[in-house]
Amino acid sequence: MRKFRLGERVKARIPEATKIGSEKVAKWVDGMIIALSPGGKFAKVLIDDDTELLIETRFLR
C-alpha cells in the first residue's frame, strides 16, 4: 500500500461521471491532499474549485 503525504498532488478516481457541487466531473479529478485519516484509509482532497472530497486512498494515484 502506497503512503500519501499532506500537500501531495493526486488524481482521484470517481466511480462514475457525476456532478459535484456546480461542476460535472469526469472519472478522474486532480487535487491536493489536505487531511488523512489516522489509519490512512481515507484522504480529504481539495479539488480546484474549492470543493473537498473524502475519498478512500485506494482510488488515488
Protein backbone atom coordinates (compact mmCIF):
# COMPACT_ATOMS: atom_id res chain seq x y z
CA MET A 1 0.00 0.00 0.00
CA ARG A 2 1.39 3.39 -1.00
CA LYS A 3 1.84 6.08 1.65
CA PHE A 4 0.41 9.51 0.86
CA ARG A 5 1.55 12.84 2.33
CA LEU A 6 -0.22 16.09 3.13
CA GLY A 7 0.08 18.60 0.31
CA GLU A 8 0.72 15.90 -2.31
CA ARG A 9 -0.97 16.42 -5.69
CA VAL A 10 -3.01 13.36 -6.65
CA LYS A 11 -5.54 12.14 -9.16
CA ALA A 12 -8.68 10.63 -7.69
CA ARG A 13 -10.86 8.12 -9.50
CA ILE A 14 -14.58 8.81 -9.22
CA PRO A 15 -16.60 5.61 -9.74
CA GLU A 16 -18.81 7.19 -12.42
CA ALA A 17 -19.18 10.57 -14.07
CA THR A 18 -21.25 12.69 -11.73
CA LYS A 19 -21.99 16.25 -10.65
CA ILE A 20 -20.06 17.56 -7.63
CA GLY A 21 -21.14 20.98 -6.46
CA SER A 22 -21.72 23.04 -9.58
CA GLU A 23 -19.21 21.09 -11.69
CA LYS A 24 -19.80 17.97 -13.75
CA VAL A 25 -16.70 15.84 -13.33
CA ALA A 26 -15.32 13.03 -15.42
CA LYS A 27 -13.97 9.79 -13.99
CA TRP A 28 -10.73 11.45 -12.77
CA VAL A 29 -10.24 14.66 -10.78
CA ASP A 30 -6.99 16.38 -9.83
CA GLY A 31 -6.49 17.73 -6.34
CA MET A 32 -4.28 18.12 -3.28
CA ILE A 33 -4.43 16.06 -0.10
CA ILE A 34 -5.34 18.31 2.84
CA ALA A 35 -6.04 15.64 5.51
CA LEU A 36 -5.52 11.92 6.12
CA SER A 37 -7.39 9.57 8.44
CA PRO A 38 -5.36 8.04 11.30
CA GLY A 39 -5.37 4.61 9.65
CA GLY A 40 -4.53 6.02 6.23
CA LYS A 41 -7.62 4.55 4.57
CA PHE A 42 -9.22 7.90 3.72
CA ALA A 43 -7.95 11.23 2.42
CA LYS A 44 -9.64 14.60 2.16
CA VAL A 45 -8.80 16.01 -1.27
CA LEU A 46 -9.24 19.66 -2.23
CA ILE A 47 -10.09 19.95 -5.92
CA ASP A 48 -9.59 23.10 -7.97
CA ASP A 49 -13.00 24.71 -7.43
CA ASP A 50 -12.59 24.76 -3.59
CA THR A 51 -14.58 21.54 -3.15
CA GLU A 52 -13.41 18.98 -0.61
CA LEU A 53 -13.91 15.27 -1.25
CA LEU A 54 -13.44 12.43 1.24
CA ILE A 55 -12.01 9.56 -0.81
CA GLU A 56 -10.64 6.13 0.00
CA THR A 57 -6.91 6.06 -0.67
CA ARG A 58 -7.32 3.01 -2.92
CA PHE A 59 -8.88 5.36 -5.50
CA LEU A 60 -5.90 7.76 -5.50
CA ARG A 61 -2.90 7.90 -7.82
